[in-house]
Amino acid sequence: MVLTFITSTILVISVLLVVSNLGTVADDTARALRGAYFRMRAHGGLASFVAFGVLWITIFALGFL
């Protein structure tokens, strides 16, 4: 019972931290994707760009599950 309470508290605190910094997370993600896009255009690394995009989509999808 105590362990459930502790893990639930940690989960709630983690969610609150993420929600409170959602703008920063979105800004950092956009900046990273923009940088990857410009590197792709400059060096022709389409495969790495697609892999990076899929990685972030997967991270956000798993975060909402």
Protein backbone atom coordinates (compact mmCIF):
# COMPACT_ATOMS: atom_id res chain seq x y z
CA MET A 1 0.00 0.00 0.00
CA VAL A 2 2.78 2.43 0.89
CA LEU A 3 4.71 1.46 -2.23
CA THR A 4 1.65 2.16 -4.40
CA PHE A 5 1.25 5.56 -2.77
CA ILE A 6 4.94 6.42 -3.33
CA THR A 7 4.89 5.34 -6.98
CA SER A 8 1.63 7.21 -7.61
CA THR A 9 3.10 10.34 -6.02
CA ILE A 10 6.21 10.08 -8.19
CA LEU A 11 4.04 9.61 -11.27
CA VAL A 12 1.91 12.67 -10.47
CA ILE A 13 4.99 14.81 -9.80
CA SER A 14 6.56 13.66 -13.07
CA VAL A 15 3.42 14.50 -15.04
CA LEU A 16 3.21 17.93 -13.39
CA LEU A 17 6.85 18.64 -14.26
CA VAL A 18 6.34 17.67 -17.88
CA VAL A 19 3.12 19.68 -18.21
CA SER A 20 4.68 22.74 -16.58
CA ASN A 21 7.58 22.63 -19.07
CA LEU A 22 5.57 21.62 -22.14
CA GLY A 23 6.34 24.86 -23.98
CA THR A 24 10.07 24.38 -23.45
CA VAL A 25 9.86 20.76 -24.57
CA ALA A 26 7.97 21.75 -27.72
CA ASP A 27 10.44 24.55 -28.44
CA ASP A 28 13.45 22.28 -27.98
CA THR A 29 11.86 19.61 -30.17
CA ALA A 30 11.09 22.11 -32.92
CA ARG A 31 14.64 23.47 -32.74
CA ALA A 32 16.11 19.96 -32.95
CA LEU A 33 13.90 19.01 -35.89
CA ARG A 34 14.71 22.28 -37.66
CA GLY A 35 18.43 21.69 -37.17
CA ALA A 36 18.12 18.12 -38.45
CA TYR A 37 16.21 19.35 -41.50
CA PHE A 38 18.87 21.92 -42.39
CA ARG A 39 21.64 19.34 -41.92
CA MET A 40 19.73 16.96 -44.15
CA ARG A 41 19.44 19.59 -46.86
CA ALA A 42 23.13 20.49 -46.56
CA HIS A 43 24.53 16.95 -46.43
CA GLY A 44 21.80 14.84 -48.02
CA GLY A 45 21.21 12.64 -44.95
CA LEU A 46 17.59 11.74 -45.60
CA ALA A 47 17.74 8.39 -43.80
CA SER A 48 19.08 9.91 -40.58
CA PHE A 49 16.45 12.66 -40.72
CA VAL A 50 13.65 10.15 -41.09
CA ALA A 51 15.07 8.01 -38.27
CA PHE A 52 15.28 11.08 -36.01
CA GLY A 53 11.68 12.02 -36.77
CA VAL A 54 10.45 8.49 -36.13
CA LEU A 55 12.36 8.46 -32.84
CA TRP A 56 10.61 11.60 -31.59
CA ILE A 57 7.22 10.43 -32.78
CA THR A 58 7.77 7.17 -30.92
CA ILE A 59 8.86 8.99 -27.75
CA PHE A 60 5.77 11.19 -27.75
CA ALA A 61 3.45 8.30 -28.66
CA LEU A 62 4.81 6.19 -25.80
CA GLY A 63 4.49 9.17 -23.49
CA PHE A 64 0.76 9.37 -24.16
CA LEU A 65 0.11 5.64 -23.67
